[in-house]
Protein backbone atom coordinates (compact mmCIF):
# COMPACT_ATOMS: atom_id res chain seq x y z
CA MET A 1 -41.51 -87.53 23.58
CA HIS A 2 -42.25 -83.81 23.63
CA THR A 3 -42.01 -81.77 26.79
CA GLU A 4 -42.72 -78.10 27.35
CA LEU A 5 -38.96 -77.50 27.39
CA THR A 6 -38.38 -79.03 23.95
CA GLN A 7 -41.49 -77.41 22.50
CA LEU A 8 -39.96 -74.02 23.41
CA GLY A 9 -43.16 -72.04 22.82
CA SER A 10 -43.55 -68.85 20.80
CA LEU A 11 -42.08 -65.39 20.55
CA GLY A 12 -45.34 -64.06 21.95
CA GLU A 13 -44.76 -65.99 25.16
CA LEU A 14 -41.27 -64.51 25.52
CA ILE A 15 -42.63 -61.02 24.91
CA VAL A 16 -45.34 -61.43 27.57
CA THR A 17 -42.73 -62.74 30.03
CA ALA A 18 -40.50 -59.72 29.40
CA LEU A 19 -43.36 -57.24 29.79
CA GLN A 20 -44.58 -58.82 33.02
CA ARG A 21 -41.11 -58.64 34.51
CA GLY A 22 -40.32 -55.14 33.31
CA GLY A 23 -43.10 -53.21 35.04
CA ASP A 24 -42.30 -49.50 35.26
CA ARG A 25 -38.71 -49.76 34.06
CA ILE A 26 -37.88 -48.05 30.78
CA ALA A 27 -38.13 -50.43 27.83
CA PHE A 28 -37.50 -48.06 24.90
CA ILE A 29 -35.96 -44.66 24.34
CA HIS A 30 -36.39 -42.87 21.02
CA GLY A 31 -35.21 -39.27 20.90
CA GLU A 32 -36.72 -37.54 23.92
CA ARG A 33 -39.46 -40.15 24.36
CA ALA A 34 -39.24 -42.98 26.89
CA THR A 35 -41.67 -45.91 27.02
CA THR A 36 -41.98 -48.20 30.03
CA TYR A 37 -42.62 -51.93 29.82
CA ARG A 38 -46.10 -51.33 31.23
CA GLN A 39 -46.89 -48.66 28.64
CA PHE A 40 -45.57 -50.85 25.82
CA GLY A 41 -47.73 -53.74 27.03
CA ALA A 42 -50.82 -51.51 26.98
CA GLN A 43 -49.98 -50.34 23.46
CA LEU A 44 -49.49 -53.94 22.36
CA ALA A 45 -52.84 -55.03 23.81
CA ARG A 46 -54.68 -52.21 22.04
CA LEU A 47 -52.92 -52.74 18.71
CA GLY A 48 -53.60 -56.48 18.81
CA ALA A 49 -57.29 -55.82 19.44
CA ALA A 50 -57.36 -53.27 16.62
CA LEU A 51 -55.78 -55.68 14.13
CA ASP A 52 -58.34 -58.28 15.17
CA ALA A 53 -61.11 -55.78 14.54
CA GLN A 54 -59.68 -55.03 11.08
CA GLY A 55 -59.96 -58.71 10.16
CA LEU A 56 -56.34 -59.83 10.23
CA THR A 57 -56.17 -63.53 11.03
CA LYS A 58 -53.53 -66.09 11.91
CA GLY A 59 -51.31 -66.81 8.92
CA ASP A 60 -51.68 -63.39 7.25
CA THR A 61 -48.43 -61.67 6.29
CA ILE A 62 -47.61 -58.13 7.39
CA ALA A 63 -44.51 -55.99 6.89
CA THR A 64 -43.04 -52.76 8.20
CA LEU A 65 -40.99 -50.14 6.34
CA SER A 66 -39.43 -47.95 8.97
CA GLY A 67 -36.41 -46.49 10.63
CA ASN A 68 -35.46 -47.65 14.11
CA ARG A 69 -38.37 -46.64 16.33
CA PRO A 70 -40.41 -48.42 19.04
CA GLU A 71 -43.52 -48.58 16.84
CA ALA A 72 -41.68 -50.79 14.35
CA PHE A 73 -41.00 -53.37 17.04
CA LEU A 74 -44.53 -52.89 18.41
CA VAL A 75 -46.04 -53.97 15.08
CA SER A 76 -43.75 -57.00 14.89
CA ALA A 77 -44.62 -57.93 18.48
CA ALA A 78 -48.33 -57.71 17.67
CA GLY A 79 -47.76 -59.97 14.68
CA TYR A 80 -45.95 -62.54 16.82
CA MET A 81 -48.74 -62.43 19.41
CA LEU A 82 -51.50 -62.92 16.84
CA GLY A 83 -49.78 -65.64 14.82
CA LEU A 84 -49.16 -63.41 11.80
CA THR A 85 -46.08 -63.80 9.61
CA VAL A 86 -43.85 -60.72 9.86
CA GLY A 87 -41.89 -59.78 6.73
CA TRP A 88 -38.67 -57.90 7.43
CA ILE A 89 -38.01 -55.17 4.85
CA ASN A 90 -34.55 -53.64 4.64
CA PRO A 91 -35.16 -49.87 4.83
CA ALA A 92 -31.96 -49.26 2.85
CA ALA A 93 -33.06 -51.47 -0.08
CA SER A 94 -34.19 -50.02 -3.39
CA GLU A 95 -37.86 -49.42 -4.10
CA ASN A 96 -37.77 -52.15 -6.73
CA ASP A 97 -36.39 -54.68 -4.26
CA GLN A 98 -38.95 -53.68 -1.64
CA ALA A 99 -41.78 -53.99 -4.17
CA TYR A 100 -40.53 -57.43 -5.20
CA LEU A 101 -40.50 -58.58 -1.56
CA LEU A 102 -44.03 -57.30 -0.90
CA ASN A 103 -45.40 -59.10 -3.95
CA ASP A 104 -43.41 -62.30 -3.48
CA ALA A 105 -44.40 -62.56 0.19
CA ALA A 106 -48.05 -61.69 -0.54
CA VAL A 107 -47.98 -58.96 2.11
CA GLY A 108 -51.53 -57.75 2.72
CA THR A 109 -50.82 -55.04 5.31
CA LEU A 110 -47.92 -52.60 5.29
CA PHE A 111 -46.95 -50.31 8.18
CA VAL A 112 -44.82 -47.32 7.19
CA ASP A 113 -42.77 -44.72 9.03
CA PRO A 114 -44.14 -41.43 7.62
CA ASP A 115 -41.14 -39.42 8.81
CA LEU A 116 -38.79 -41.32 6.48
CA PHE A 117 -40.83 -43.24 3.92
CA ARG A 118 -44.12 -41.43 3.30
CA GLU A 119 -43.80 -41.14 -0.49
CA ARG A 120 -42.05 -44.50 -0.82
CA GLY A 121 -44.80 -46.22 1.14
CA GLN A 122 -47.54 -44.76 -1.02
CA ARG A 123 -45.76 -45.78 -4.23
CA LEU A 124 -45.20 -49.31 -2.94
CA VAL A 125 -48.91 -49.75 -2.26
CA GLU A 126 -49.68 -48.62 -5.82
CA ARG A 127 -47.13 -51.07 -7.26
CA THR A 128 -47.96 -54.16 -5.22
CA GLY A 129 -50.77 -56.29 -3.88
CA VAL A 130 -50.76 -54.57 -0.48
CA GLN A 131 -54.37 -53.98 0.55
CA ARG A 132 -53.92 -51.88 3.71
CA LEU A 133 -51.44 -49.11 4.50
CA TRP A 134 -51.19 -47.87 8.07
CA TRP A 135 -48.70 -45.32 9.40
CA LEU A 136 -46.47 -45.70 12.45
CA ALA A 137 -46.91 -42.06 13.48
CA PRO A 138 -49.60 -39.40 12.95
CA THR A 139 -49.74 -37.98 9.44
CA ASP A 140 -52.33 -36.39 7.16
CA ALA A 141 -51.71 -39.17 4.64
CA GLY A 142 -54.00 -41.69 6.35
CA THR A 143 -54.67 -43.71 9.48
CA ASP A 144 -51.87 -44.27 11.97
CA ILE A 145 -51.65 -47.09 14.49
CA GLU A 146 -52.37 -44.83 17.45
CA THR A 147 -55.66 -43.73 15.88
CA LEU A 148 -56.36 -47.30 14.80
CA SER A 149 -55.89 -48.50 18.37
CA ARG A 150 -57.62 -45.66 20.19
CA ASP A 151 -61.08 -47.19 20.40
CA ALA A 152 -59.97 -50.81 20.61
CA ALA A 153 -60.82 -52.57 23.87
CA PRO A 154 -57.53 -54.16 24.95
CA ALA A 155 -57.72 -57.88 25.56
CA PRO A 156 -55.34 -59.86 27.77
CA LEU A 157 -52.04 -60.64 26.06
CA GLN A 158 -52.56 -64.25 25.06
CA PRO A 159 -50.16 -65.55 22.37
CA ARG A 160 -51.91 -67.50 19.61
CA ALA A 161 -48.96 -68.92 17.71
CA SER A 162 -47.53 -72.37 18.26
CA ALA A 163 -43.86 -73.28 18.05
CA ASP A 164 -43.98 -74.47 14.45
CA ASP A 165 -46.05 -71.59 13.04
CA PRO A 166 -44.20 -69.14 10.76
CA ALA A 167 -42.96 -66.10 12.66
CA VAL A 168 -40.57 -64.21 10.41
CA LEU A 169 -39.98 -64.05 6.66
CA VAL A 170 -36.41 -62.97 5.86
CA TYR A 171 -35.09 -62.44 2.34
CA THR A 172 -31.62 -63.43 1.18
CA GLY A 173 -29.30 -60.93 -0.49
CA GLY A 174 -30.05 -62.17 -4.00
CA THR A 175 -26.40 -62.65 -5.01
CA THR A 176 -27.29 -65.70 -7.14
CA GLY A 177 -30.50 -64.30 -8.60
CA VAL A 178 -33.56 -62.71 -7.08
CA PRO A 179 -33.82 -62.67 -3.25
CA LYS A 180 -35.41 -65.76 -1.75
CA GLY A 181 -37.79 -65.74 1.19
CA VAL A 182 -36.66 -67.86 4.16
CA VAL A 183 -39.33 -68.75 6.72
CA HIS A 184 -38.29 -68.81 10.37
CA THR A 185 -40.73 -70.51 12.73
CA HIS A 186 -41.35 -69.41 16.29
CA ARG A 187 -39.32 -72.44 17.42
CA VAL A 188 -36.27 -71.17 15.48
CA GLN A 189 -36.55 -67.61 16.80
CA VAL A 190 -37.18 -68.69 20.39
CA ALA A 191 -34.22 -71.10 20.28
CA MET A 192 -31.99 -68.33 18.93
CA THR A 193 -33.12 -65.92 21.68
CA LEU A 194 -32.52 -68.46 24.44
CA MET A 195 -29.07 -69.27 23.06
CA GLN A 196 -28.21 -65.56 23.00
CA LEU A 197 -29.29 -65.21 26.62
CA ALA A 198 -27.31 -68.27 27.71
CA ASP A 199 -24.13 -67.84 25.69
CA TRP A 200 -23.36 -64.12 25.37
CA ASP A 201 -21.49 -62.10 28.01
CA TRP A 202 -24.32 -59.71 28.77
CA PRO A 203 -23.67 -56.75 31.09
CA GLN A 204 -25.49 -56.85 34.40
CA ASP A 205 -27.37 -53.70 33.38
CA VAL A 206 -28.27 -53.89 29.69
CA ARG A 207 -28.67 -50.55 27.95
CA TYR A 208 -28.61 -51.44 24.26
CA LEU A 209 -28.07 -48.95 21.43
CA ALA A 210 -29.47 -49.94 18.00
CA LEU A 211 -28.18 -47.81 15.12
CA THR A 212 -28.20 -50.25 12.19
CA PRO A 213 -31.60 -51.45 10.88
CA ILE A 214 -33.50 -53.57 13.40
CA THR A 215 -34.79 -55.67 10.49
CA HIS A 216 -31.30 -57.17 10.48
CA ALA A 217 -28.69 -58.11 13.10
CA ALA A 218 -29.40 -55.14 15.38
CA GLY A 219 -32.97 -56.33 15.85
CA THR A 220 -31.91 -59.68 17.26
CA PHE A 221 -30.67 -57.92 20.41
CA ILE A 222 -34.04 -56.39 21.30
CA LEU A 223 -35.91 -59.34 22.79
CA PRO A 224 -32.93 -60.61 24.83
CA THR A 225 -32.48 -57.08 26.18
CA LEU A 226 -36.13 -56.93 27.20
CA LEU A 227 -35.98 -60.38 28.80
CA ARG A 228 -33.10 -59.09 30.93
CA GLY A 229 -35.14 -56.05 31.96
CA GLY A 230 -32.90 -53.70 30.00
CA THR A 231 -33.48 -50.58 27.92
CA VAL A 232 -33.36 -50.36 24.11
CA VAL A 233 -32.22 -47.00 22.73
CA LEU A 234 -33.30 -46.66 19.10
CA THR A 235 -31.96 -44.26 16.50
CA HIS A 236 -31.88 -44.27 12.71
CA GLY A 237 -28.48 -44.09 11.09
CA PHE A 238 -24.91 -43.85 12.30
CA SER A 239 -22.43 -41.05 12.71
CA PRO A 240 -19.53 -41.07 15.18
CA ASP A 241 -20.83 -37.93 16.88
CA LYS A 242 -24.30 -39.43 17.30
CA PHE A 243 -22.80 -42.63 18.66
CA ILE A 244 -20.64 -40.82 21.20
CA ASP A 245 -23.49 -38.54 22.27
CA LEU A 246 -25.90 -41.44 22.85
CA VAL A 247 -23.37 -43.63 24.66
CA GLU A 248 -22.43 -40.76 26.99
CA ARG A 249 -26.01 -39.61 27.58
CA HIS A 250 -27.60 -43.02 28.20
CA ARG A 251 -24.54 -44.84 29.58
CA ILE A 252 -24.90 -47.48 26.87
CA THR A 253 -23.48 -50.86 27.85
CA THR A 254 -24.21 -52.90 24.70
CA THR A 255 -24.32 -52.15 20.99
CA PHE A 256 -23.88 -53.68 17.54
CA LEU A 257 -21.58 -52.22 14.87
CA VAL A 258 -20.31 -53.31 11.49
CA PRO A 259 -16.54 -53.04 11.04
CA THR A 260 -16.62 -49.93 8.85
CA MET A 261 -18.58 -48.10 11.56
CA LEU A 262 -15.94 -49.03 14.12
CA TYR A 263 -13.18 -47.82 11.78
CA VAL A 264 -14.88 -44.43 11.39
CA LEU A 265 -15.38 -44.21 15.15
CA LEU A 266 -11.73 -45.02 15.90
CA ASP A 267 -10.56 -42.39 13.40
CA HIS A 268 -12.88 -39.68 14.71
CA ALA A 269 -11.32 -36.71 16.50
CA ARG A 270 -13.72 -36.88 19.49
CA THR A 271 -13.19 -40.56 20.27
CA ALA A 272 -9.89 -40.16 22.12
CA ASN A 273 -11.49 -37.96 24.78
CA ALA A 274 -15.03 -39.39 24.71
CA ASP A 275 -16.42 -41.16 27.77
CA LEU A 276 -17.16 -44.61 26.36
CA ALA A 277 -16.26 -46.47 29.54
CA SER A 278 -19.84 -47.73 30.01
CA LEU A 279 -19.49 -50.05 26.97
CA GLN A 280 -19.13 -53.66 28.10
CA LEU A 281 -20.27 -55.62 25.02
CA VAL A 282 -19.67 -54.40 21.48
CA ALA A 283 -20.84 -56.99 18.97
CA TYR A 284 -19.72 -56.71 15.37
CA GLY A 285 -20.53 -58.65 12.24
CA ALA A 286 -21.64 -58.61 8.58
CA ALA A 287 -18.00 -58.45 7.43
CA PRO A 288 -14.53 -59.48 8.63
CA MET A 289 -12.67 -57.11 10.95
CA LEU A 290 -9.07 -56.17 10.15
CA PRO A 291 -7.00 -57.66 13.02
CA SER A 292 -4.99 -54.46 13.36
CA ARG A 293 -8.15 -52.40 13.80
CA LEU A 294 -9.64 -54.89 16.26
CA ILE A 295 -6.48 -54.60 18.36
CA GLU A 296 -6.77 -50.81 18.16
CA GLY A 297 -10.40 -51.05 19.24
CA MET A 298 -9.47 -53.17 22.25
CA ARG A 299 -6.78 -50.68 23.23
CA ARG A 300 -9.31 -47.84 23.06
CA LEU A 301 -12.41 -49.54 24.51
CA GLY A 302 -11.09 -52.59 26.31
CA PRO A 303 -11.75 -56.35 25.78
CA VAL A 304 -15.43 -55.78 24.97
CA PHE A 305 -15.73 -57.15 21.44
CA MET A 306 -17.80 -60.11 20.30
CA GLN A 307 -17.76 -61.34 16.71
């Protein structure tokens, strides 16, 4: 017998809940730009209406090729709201691998970060079955999502997907052949999010720094952060100086690193005197951590690590 609890709902419902709770708190920081929950909700309503007007319908597959920026999550959120399938493209993958994914997943609409992937995005459209290319920021190369959304009459945020509709299409690494698309339903993603919220030792005040691609592990922290009313700080790429600067400036409490990033940070000259005391949860993954280096990390940063 199904109940509302076991049905779990959709990612769109979780997003609406987070936006309603967040109000005028800061949801995203990217460079010098801050976006409140209320502003993000308005952007989401306009983009959803614009995609409706362009003829995208439930079940269509979209994808984003981007660095870490709020617009990349905005497009995914719109897809979840409208019942579209969102293909996650690794921005660090080769052009050939990205083209294969777009064709194999039958992606009809591609959203591209013009600051990082303008030429790559144009070539991918020429090589694949992508029918529409829209940019995540203003550019003279074509229509961006802000322009696309400008004249759209925002409708109330009403999620259209059900629990067993496809939400995300993730591709395997291809170690035993070509990458294989794995479909995650809304039920799977919602269950994962709720387990993260229940099981992880979240700081009381979540200020999350995402440096690795949000199409992978770093992206799984975004929705739980928003549901806790926290702030997501987005940046593309890692360097120890950038990490230290952002942690000190924004008093970051949560982040995700791969072991090699932590090794570089521990060996960096600035780390010994850097103010990293705000960090309360440092998740790591994607590879094993050398026990000696994990012990060193705990001596430097405290018992903050989660594998």
